Amino acid sequence: MESSENTKSKWAAYFGGVTVVASLLLVAWEIRQNTVALSAQALQDLNSMANEILLTAADNDQLSSVLEKGDDDLSSLSDAEYRQYWSYSYGLINGLDAAFGFYQKGILSEDDFSGWRTYTCEYLGTPSARTIWENDKASFGEDFGMFVEDECDI
């Protein structure tokens, strides 16, 4: 009788161990699924934000003119035009900072971030955008500031 009880105990322990392992595998799979979903959502949100900013200029002739004029020479802008230029640029830089933050946290892959990296350096490499950046970089993340300096030579 003891061996029958002993056998039952061993099977119960074995079954309990298998259940724990199966539960851990399920949790790992769910975490992976959540990570994939979070990454996809982050990329979609970033792209939507960028599209909204870019389409704002495309749909607004007056803003497009201000951006063109500001790209040529910030000092040629009136106070109201400068505010428009600054707001547009600051919003765009803020989105680039968010993309970097998602990349840094592992939410965006290297491949997903590569275009954002290139655009960050191209955009902030222009004289007018660089001026906005230099004036306001303290309001962005310190890590993003170091990234811009290291990657973009700014």
N, C-alpha and C. Protein backbone atom coordinates (compact mmCIF):
# COMPACT_ATOMS: atom_id res chain seq x y z
N MET A 1 0.81 -1.19 0.00
CA MET A 1 0.00 0.00 0.00
C MET A 1 0.86 1.27 0.00
N GLU A 2 1.98 1.16 0.67
CA GLU A 2 2.87 2.30 0.71
C GLU A 2 3.40 2.63 -0.68
N SER A 3 3.71 1.64 -1.44
CA SER A 3 4.25 1.90 -2.77
C SER A 3 3.17 2.51 -3.66
N SER A 4 1.92 2.15 -3.49
CA SER A 4 0.85 2.74 -4.26
C SER A 4 0.69 4.22 -3.89
N GLU A 5 0.78 4.54 -2.61
CA GLU A 5 0.71 5.94 -2.16
C GLU A 5 1.94 6.70 -2.65
N ASN A 6 3.07 6.05 -2.57
CA ASN A 6 4.32 6.66 -3.02
C ASN A 6 4.26 6.95 -4.52
N THR A 7 3.72 6.03 -5.30
CA THR A 7 3.58 6.20 -6.74
C THR A 7 2.63 7.36 -7.04
N LYS A 8 1.52 7.42 -6.30
CA LYS A 8 0.57 8.52 -6.49
C LYS A 8 1.23 9.87 -6.18
N SER A 9 2.03 9.94 -5.13
CA SER A 9 2.72 11.17 -4.75
C SER A 9 3.70 11.60 -5.83
N LYS A 10 4.42 10.61 -6.38
CA LYS A 10 5.39 10.92 -7.43
C LYS A 10 4.68 11.45 -8.67
N TRP A 11 3.56 10.81 -9.04
CA TRP A 11 2.80 11.27 -10.21
C TRP A 11 2.21 12.66 -9.97
N ALA A 12 1.76 12.91 -8.76
CA ALA A 12 1.20 14.22 -8.44
C ALA A 12 2.29 15.30 -8.52
N ALA A 13 3.49 14.97 -8.00
CA ALA A 13 4.60 15.91 -8.06
C ALA A 13 5.01 16.15 -9.51
N TYR A 14 5.07 15.09 -10.30
CA TYR A 14 5.43 15.19 -11.71
C TYR A 14 4.40 16.05 -12.46
N PHE A 15 3.14 15.76 -12.23
CA PHE A 15 2.07 16.52 -12.87
C PHE A 15 2.13 18.00 -12.44
N GLY A 16 2.41 18.26 -11.18
CA GLY A 16 2.54 19.63 -10.68
C GLY A 16 3.68 20.35 -11.36
N GLY A 17 4.81 19.68 -11.53
CA GLY A 17 5.98 20.27 -12.21
C GLY A 17 5.67 20.59 -13.66
N VAL A 18 5.00 19.66 -14.35
CA VAL A 18 4.63 19.88 -15.75
C VAL A 18 3.68 21.06 -15.86
N THR A 19 2.75 21.17 -14.93
CA THR A 19 1.79 22.27 -14.93
C THR A 19 2.51 23.61 -14.74
N VAL A 20 3.49 23.65 -13.84
CA VAL A 20 4.25 24.88 -13.60
C VAL A 20 5.02 25.27 -14.86
N VAL A 21 5.69 24.30 -15.48
CA VAL A 21 6.46 24.58 -16.71
C VAL A 21 5.52 25.06 -17.82
N ALA A 22 4.38 24.39 -17.98
CA ALA A 22 3.42 24.79 -19.01
C ALA A 22 2.91 26.21 -18.74
N SER A 23 2.65 26.52 -17.48
CA SER A 23 2.19 27.87 -17.12
C SER A 23 3.26 28.92 -17.44
N LEU A 24 4.51 28.61 -17.14
CA LEU A 24 5.59 29.55 -17.45
C LEU A 24 5.75 29.75 -18.95
N LEU A 25 5.62 28.69 -19.72
CA LEU A 25 5.69 28.81 -21.17
C LEU A 25 4.54 29.66 -21.71
N LEU A 26 3.36 29.49 -21.16
CA LEU A 26 2.21 30.28 -21.56
C LEU A 26 2.43 31.76 -21.24
N VAL A 27 2.95 32.05 -20.06
CA VAL A 27 3.23 33.43 -19.66
C VAL A 27 4.28 34.04 -20.60
N ALA A 28 5.33 33.27 -20.91
CA ALA A 28 6.37 33.77 -21.82
C ALA A 28 5.78 34.06 -23.20
N TRP A 29 4.92 33.18 -23.69
CA TRP A 29 4.29 33.38 -24.99
C TRP A 29 3.41 34.63 -24.97
N GLU A 30 2.65 34.82 -23.89
CA GLU A 30 1.79 36.00 -23.78
C GLU A 30 2.62 37.29 -23.73
N ILE A 31 3.73 37.25 -23.02
CA ILE A 31 4.61 38.43 -22.95
C ILE A 31 5.15 38.74 -24.35
N ARG A 32 5.57 37.71 -25.06
CA ARG A 32 6.08 37.90 -26.42
C ARG A 32 5.00 38.50 -27.32
N GLN A 33 3.78 37.99 -27.23
CA GLN A 33 2.67 38.51 -28.03
C GLN A 33 2.41 39.97 -27.69
N ASN A 34 2.44 40.30 -26.41
CA ASN A 34 2.22 41.68 -25.98
C ASN A 34 3.33 42.60 -26.48
N THR A 35 4.57 42.11 -26.47
CA THR A 35 5.70 42.89 -26.96
C THR A 35 5.56 43.17 -28.45
N VAL A 36 5.19 42.16 -29.21
CA VAL A 36 4.98 42.33 -30.65
C VAL A 36 3.85 43.33 -30.90
N ALA A 37 2.77 43.19 -30.17
CA ALA A 37 1.63 44.10 -30.35
C ALA A 37 2.01 45.53 -29.96
N LEU A 38 2.77 45.68 -28.86
CA LEU A 38 3.20 47.00 -28.42
C LEU A 38 4.11 47.63 -29.46
N SER A 39 5.03 46.86 -30.02
CA SER A 39 5.93 47.36 -31.04
C SER A 39 5.15 47.83 -32.27
N ALA A 40 4.21 47.02 -32.71
CA ALA A 40 3.41 47.37 -33.88
C ALA A 40 2.58 48.63 -33.61
N GLN A 41 2.01 48.73 -32.42
CA GLN A 41 1.20 49.90 -32.07
C GLN A 41 2.06 51.15 -31.98
N ALA A 42 3.26 51.02 -31.40
CA ALA A 42 4.16 52.17 -31.29
C ALA A 42 4.56 52.67 -32.67
N LEU A 43 4.90 51.75 -33.56
CA LEU A 43 5.30 52.14 -34.90
C LEU A 43 4.13 52.79 -35.65
N GLN A 44 2.95 52.24 -35.48
CA GLN A 44 1.77 52.82 -36.12
C GLN A 44 1.49 54.23 -35.58
N ASP A 45 1.60 54.39 -34.25
CA ASP A 45 1.37 55.70 -33.65
C ASP A 45 2.39 56.73 -34.12
N LEU A 46 3.66 56.32 -34.19
CA LEU A 46 4.71 57.23 -34.65
C LEU A 46 4.48 57.64 -36.10
N ASN A 47 4.16 56.66 -36.94
CA ASN A 47 3.91 56.97 -38.34
C ASN A 47 2.68 57.86 -38.51
N SER A 48 1.65 57.62 -37.72
CA SER A 48 0.46 58.47 -37.79
C SER A 48 0.79 59.90 -37.37
N MET A 49 1.58 60.03 -36.31
CA MET A 49 1.98 61.35 -35.84
C MET A 49 2.80 62.07 -36.91
N ALA A 50 3.76 61.38 -37.51
CA ALA A 50 4.59 61.99 -38.55
C ALA A 50 3.75 62.39 -39.76
N ASN A 51 2.87 61.51 -40.17
CA ASN A 51 1.99 61.82 -41.30
C ASN A 51 1.12 63.03 -41.01
N GLU A 52 0.61 63.11 -39.81
CA GLU A 52 -0.24 64.25 -39.44
C GLU A 52 0.54 65.56 -39.50
N ILE A 53 1.76 65.54 -38.99
CA ILE A 53 2.59 66.75 -39.02
C ILE A 53 2.90 67.14 -40.46
N LEU A 54 3.32 66.15 -41.26
CA LEU A 54 3.70 66.45 -42.64
C LEU A 54 2.49 66.87 -43.49
N LEU A 55 1.36 66.23 -43.25
CA LEU A 55 0.16 66.58 -44.02
C LEU A 55 -0.38 67.95 -43.64
N THR A 56 -0.14 68.36 -42.40
CA THR A 56 -0.55 69.69 -41.97
C THR A 56 0.10 70.75 -42.86
N ALA A 57 1.38 70.56 -43.14
CA ALA A 57 2.07 71.50 -44.01
C ALA A 57 1.61 71.36 -45.45
N ALA A 58 1.39 70.13 -45.88
CA ALA A 58 0.98 69.90 -47.27
C ALA A 58 -0.41 70.47 -47.55
N ASP A 59 -1.27 70.43 -46.56
CA ASP A 59 -2.65 70.89 -46.73
C ASP A 59 -2.83 72.38 -46.46
N ASN A 60 -1.80 73.05 -45.98
CA ASN A 60 -1.92 74.45 -45.58
C ASN A 60 -0.86 75.27 -46.33
N ASP A 61 -1.31 75.94 -47.38
CA ASP A 61 -0.38 76.73 -48.20
C ASP A 61 0.36 77.80 -47.38
N GLN A 62 -0.36 78.42 -46.47
CA GLN A 62 0.26 79.48 -45.67
C GLN A 62 1.37 78.89 -44.80
N LEU A 63 1.11 77.77 -44.15
CA LEU A 63 2.15 77.14 -43.32
C LEU A 63 3.31 76.66 -44.18
N SER A 64 3.01 76.09 -45.34
CA SER A 64 4.08 75.66 -46.25
C SER A 64 4.98 76.83 -46.62
N SER A 65 4.38 77.98 -46.87
CA SER A 65 5.17 79.18 -47.21
C SER A 65 6.06 79.60 -46.04
N VAL A 66 5.49 79.56 -44.84
CA VAL A 66 6.27 79.91 -43.64
C VAL A 66 7.43 78.94 -43.47
N LEU A 67 7.17 77.65 -43.66
CA LEU A 67 8.23 76.66 -43.49
C LEU A 67 9.33 76.85 -44.53
N GLU A 68 8.95 77.12 -45.75
CA GLU A 68 9.93 77.37 -46.81
C GLU A 68 10.77 78.60 -46.49
N LYS A 69 10.09 79.66 -46.10
CA LYS A 69 10.77 80.91 -45.76
C LYS A 69 11.71 80.70 -44.56
N GLY A 70 11.23 79.97 -43.55
CA GLY A 70 12.04 79.70 -42.37
C GLY A 70 13.22 78.79 -42.66
N ASP A 71 13.02 77.82 -43.55
CA ASP A 71 14.13 76.95 -43.93
C ASP A 71 15.25 77.75 -44.60
N ASP A 72 14.85 78.78 -45.34
CA ASP A 72 15.85 79.62 -46.01
C ASP A 72 16.55 80.55 -45.03
N ASP A 73 15.77 81.16 -44.11
CA ASP A 73 16.35 82.14 -43.19
C ASP A 73 15.38 82.41 -42.05
N LEU A 74 15.67 81.89 -40.88
CA LEU A 74 14.78 82.09 -39.73
C LEU A 74 14.59 83.57 -39.40
N SER A 75 15.63 84.36 -39.59
CA SER A 75 15.53 85.78 -39.23
C SER A 75 14.58 86.56 -40.14
N SER A 76 14.19 85.95 -41.26
CA SER A 76 13.26 86.64 -42.17
C SER A 76 11.80 86.48 -41.74
N LEU A 77 11.55 85.67 -40.73
CA LEU A 77 10.19 85.41 -40.28
C LEU A 77 9.69 86.49 -39.33
N SER A 78 8.42 86.83 -39.45
CA SER A 78 7.80 87.71 -38.46
C SER A 78 7.65 86.92 -37.16
N ASP A 79 7.26 87.59 -36.09
CA ASP A 79 7.07 86.89 -34.82
C ASP A 79 6.03 85.78 -34.93
N ALA A 80 4.92 86.07 -35.61
CA ALA A 80 3.85 85.08 -35.77
C ALA A 80 4.34 83.91 -36.64
N GLU A 81 5.08 84.23 -37.70
CA GLU A 81 5.60 83.17 -38.56
C GLU A 81 6.62 82.31 -37.81
N TYR A 82 7.46 82.98 -37.01
CA TYR A 82 8.45 82.23 -36.23
C TYR A 82 7.74 81.26 -35.27
N ARG A 83 6.66 81.70 -34.66
CA ARG A 83 5.90 80.83 -33.75
C ARG A 83 5.37 79.62 -34.51
N GLN A 84 4.87 79.83 -35.71
CA GLN A 84 4.39 78.71 -36.53
C GLN A 84 5.54 77.76 -36.87
N TYR A 85 6.64 78.33 -37.30
CA TYR A 85 7.80 77.52 -37.67
C TYR A 85 8.29 76.73 -36.45
N TRP A 86 8.42 77.42 -35.33
CA TRP A 86 8.88 76.79 -34.10
C TRP A 86 7.94 75.66 -33.68
N SER A 87 6.64 75.91 -33.70
CA SER A 87 5.66 74.90 -33.29
C SER A 87 5.75 73.65 -34.16
N TYR A 88 5.85 73.85 -35.45
CA TYR A 88 5.96 72.73 -36.38
C TYR A 88 7.25 71.95 -36.11
N SER A 89 8.36 72.67 -35.99
CA SER A 89 9.66 72.02 -35.76
C SER A 89 9.70 71.32 -34.41
N TYR A 90 9.19 71.98 -33.39
CA TYR A 90 9.21 71.39 -32.05
C TYR A 90 8.38 70.11 -32.03
N GLY A 91 7.21 70.13 -32.67
CA GLY A 91 6.38 68.93 -32.74
C GLY A 91 7.08 67.80 -33.46
N LEU A 92 7.77 68.13 -34.52
CA LEU A 92 8.50 67.11 -35.28
C LEU A 92 9.65 66.55 -34.45
N ILE A 93 10.41 67.41 -33.81
CA ILE A 93 11.52 66.94 -32.97
C ILE A 93 10.98 66.11 -31.81
N ASN A 94 9.85 66.50 -31.26
CA ASN A 94 9.23 65.73 -30.18
C ASN A 94 8.90 64.31 -30.65
N GLY A 95 8.39 64.19 -31.86
CA GLY A 95 8.11 62.87 -32.42
C GLY A 95 9.38 62.05 -32.63
N LEU A 96 10.45 62.71 -33.07
CA LEU A 96 11.73 62.02 -33.25
C LEU A 96 12.27 61.54 -31.90
N ASP A 97 12.09 62.36 -30.87
CA ASP A 97 12.49 61.98 -29.51
C ASP A 97 11.68 60.76 -29.05
N ALA A 98 10.39 60.75 -29.34
CA ALA A 98 9.55 59.60 -28.96
C ALA A 98 10.00 58.33 -29.68
N ALA A 99 10.32 58.45 -30.96
CA ALA A 99 10.79 57.29 -31.71
C ALA A 99 12.08 56.76 -31.09
N PHE A 100 12.98 57.65 -30.72
CA PHE A 100 14.23 57.24 -30.08
C PHE A 100 13.94 56.55 -28.74
N GLY A 101 13.01 57.10 -27.98
CA GLY A 101 12.66 56.48 -26.70
C GLY A 101 12.11 55.07 -26.87
N PHE A 102 11.26 54.87 -27.87
CA PHE A 102 10.74 53.52 -28.14
C PHE A 102 11.86 52.58 -28.57
N TYR A 103 12.79 53.09 -29.34
CA TYR A 103 13.93 52.28 -29.78
C TYR A 103 14.80 51.91 -28.58
N GLN A 104 15.07 52.89 -27.75
CA GLN A 104 15.93 52.68 -26.59
C GLN A 104 15.33 51.66 -25.61
N LYS A 105 14.01 51.64 -25.52
CA LYS A 105 13.33 50.69 -24.62
C LYS A 105 13.13 49.32 -25.27
N GLY A 106 13.55 49.18 -26.52
CA GLY A 106 13.43 47.91 -27.21
C GLY A 106 12.06 47.69 -27.84
N ILE A 107 11.24 48.72 -27.87
CA ILE A 107 9.91 48.60 -28.47
C ILE A 107 10.01 48.64 -29.98
N LEU A 108 10.92 49.46 -30.50
CA LEU A 108 11.20 49.49 -31.94
C LEU A 108 12.50 48.74 -32.20
N SER A 109 12.50 47.92 -33.22
CA SER A 109 13.72 47.20 -33.59
C SER A 109 14.69 48.14 -34.29
N GLU A 110 15.90 47.67 -34.48
CA GLU A 110 16.90 48.45 -35.22
C GLU A 110 16.38 48.78 -36.61
N ASP A 111 15.77 47.80 -37.25
CA ASP A 111 15.24 48.00 -38.60
C ASP A 111 14.12 49.05 -38.60
N ASP A 112 13.21 48.97 -37.63
CA ASP A 112 12.12 49.95 -37.54
C ASP A 112 12.64 51.36 -37.26
N PHE A 113 13.72 51.45 -36.51
CA PHE A 113 14.23 52.76 -36.12
C PHE A 113 15.17 53.36 -37.16
N SER A 114 15.69 52.58 -38.07
CA SER A 114 16.73 53.08 -38.97
C SER A 114 16.27 54.30 -39.77
N GLY A 115 15.05 54.29 -40.26
CA GLY A 115 14.54 55.45 -40.99
C GLY A 115 14.40 56.68 -40.11
N TRP A 116 13.96 56.46 -38.88
CA TRP A 116 13.82 57.57 -37.94
C TRP A 116 15.20 58.15 -37.62
N ARG A 117 16.21 57.29 -37.47
CA ARG A 117 17.58 57.75 -37.21
C ARG A 117 18.05 58.64 -38.36
N THR A 118 17.87 58.17 -39.58
CA THR A 118 18.31 58.94 -40.75
C THR A 118 17.59 60.27 -40.82
N TYR A 119 16.27 60.26 -40.64
CA TYR A 119 15.51 61.51 -40.74
C TYR A 119 15.89 62.48 -39.63
N THR A 120 16.13 61.97 -38.43
CA THR A 120 16.54 62.83 -37.31
C THR A 120 17.78 63.63 -37.69
N CYS A 121 18.78 62.92 -38.20
CA CYS A 121 20.03 63.59 -38.55
C CYS A 121 19.87 64.52 -39.75
N GLU A 122 19.09 64.10 -40.74
CA GLU A 122 18.87 64.97 -41.91
C GLU A 122 18.12 66.24 -41.51
N TYR A 123 17.06 66.07 -40.72
CA TYR A 123 16.25 67.23 -40.34
C TYR A 123 17.03 68.19 -39.44
N LEU A 124 17.65 67.65 -38.40
CA LEU A 124 18.37 68.51 -37.46
C LEU A 124 19.68 69.03 -38.04
N GLY A 125 20.07 68.50 -39.19
CA GLY A 125 21.26 68.98 -39.87
C GLY A 125 21.03 70.25 -40.67
N THR A 126 19.75 70.61 -40.87
CA THR A 126 19.47 71.85 -41.60
C THR A 126 19.69 73.04 -40.66
N PRO A 127 20.18 74.15 -41.17
CA PRO A 127 20.50 75.29 -40.29
C PRO A 127 19.34 75.77 -39.42
N SER A 128 18.16 75.91 -40.00
CA SER A 128 17.03 76.44 -39.22
C SER A 128 16.58 75.45 -38.15
N ALA A 129 16.46 74.18 -38.51
CA ALA A 129 16.06 73.17 -37.51
C ALA A 129 17.13 73.04 -36.43
N ARG A 130 18.38 73.17 -36.82
CA ARG A 130 19.46 73.10 -35.83
C ARG A 130 19.36 74.26 -34.84
N THR A 131 18.97 75.43 -35.33
CA THR A 131 18.79 76.58 -34.43
C THR A 131 17.69 76.30 -33.42
N ILE A 132 16.57 75.77 -33.90
CA ILE A 132 15.46 75.41 -32.99
C ILE A 132 15.97 74.38 -31.98
N TRP A 133 16.69 73.37 -32.47
CA TRP A 133 17.23 72.32 -31.60
C TRP A 133 18.15 72.92 -30.54
N GLU A 134 19.08 73.76 -30.95
CA GLU A 134 20.03 74.34 -30.00
C GLU A 134 19.32 75.17 -28.93
N ASN A 135 18.27 75.88 -29.33
CA ASN A 135 17.54 76.71 -28.37
C ASN A 135 16.70 75.89 -27.40
N ASP A 136 16.23 74.72 -27.82
CA ASP A 136 15.25 73.98 -27.02
C ASP A 136 15.67 72.56 -26.63
N LYS A 137 16.90 72.16 -26.92
CA LYS A 137 17.28 70.77 -26.68
C LYS A 137 17.19 70.36 -25.21
N ALA A 138 17.29 71.30 -24.31
CA ALA A 138 17.19 70.97 -22.88
C ALA A 138 15.79 70.46 -22.51
N SER A 139 14.79 70.76 -23.33
CA SER A 139 13.42 70.31 -23.02
C SER A 139 13.16 68.89 -23.49
N PHE A 140 14.12 68.29 -24.18
CA PHE A 140 13.99 66.91 -24.63
C PHE A 140 14.81 66.01 -23.73
N GLY A 141 14.66 64.72 -23.92
CA GLY A 141 15.37 63.77 -23.08
C GLY A 141 16.89 63.89 -23.22
N GLU A 142 17.58 63.71 -22.11
CA GLU A 142 19.04 63.79 -22.11
C GLU A 142 19.64 62.73 -23.03
N ASP A 143 19.09 61.53 -22.99
CA ASP A 143 19.58 60.46 -23.86
C ASP A 143 19.38 60.80 -25.33
N PHE A 144 18.26 61.42 -25.65
CA PHE A 144 18.02 61.83 -27.03
C PHE A 144 19.04 62.90 -27.43
N GLY A 145 19.33 63.81 -26.54
CA GLY A 145 20.34 64.84 -26.82
C GLY A 145 21.70 64.23 -27.11
N MET A 146 22.09 63.24 -26.32
CA MET A 146 23.38 62.57 -26.56
C MET A 146 23.34 61.80 -27.88
N PHE A 147 22.21 61.17 -28.18
CA PHE A 147 22.06 60.46 -29.45
C PHE A 147 22.25 61.43 -30.62
N VAL A 148 21.59 62.59 -30.57
CA VAL A 148 21.70 63.58 -31.64
C VAL A 148 23.15 64.02 -31.79
N GLU A 149 23.82 64.30 -30.69
CA GLU A 149 25.21 64.73 -30.76
C GLU A 149 26.12 63.65 -31.35
N ASP A 150 25.93 62.41 -30.90
CA ASP A 150 26.80 61.31 -31.33
C ASP A 150 26.50 60.86 -32.76
N GLU A 151 25.23 60.64 -33.06
CA GLU A 151 24.84 60.08 -34.36
C GLU A 151 24.84 61.13 -35.47
N CYS A 152 24.47 62.35 -35.13
CA CYS A 152 24.27 63.37 -36.15
C CYS A 152 25.40 64.39 -36.21
N ASP A 153 26.37 64.25 -35.33
CA ASP A 153 27.48 65.20 -35.28
C ASP A 153 27.00 66.63 -35.15
N ILE A 154 26.03 66.83 -34.28
CA ILE A 154 25.48 68.18 -34.04
C ILE A 154 25.90 68.63 -32.65
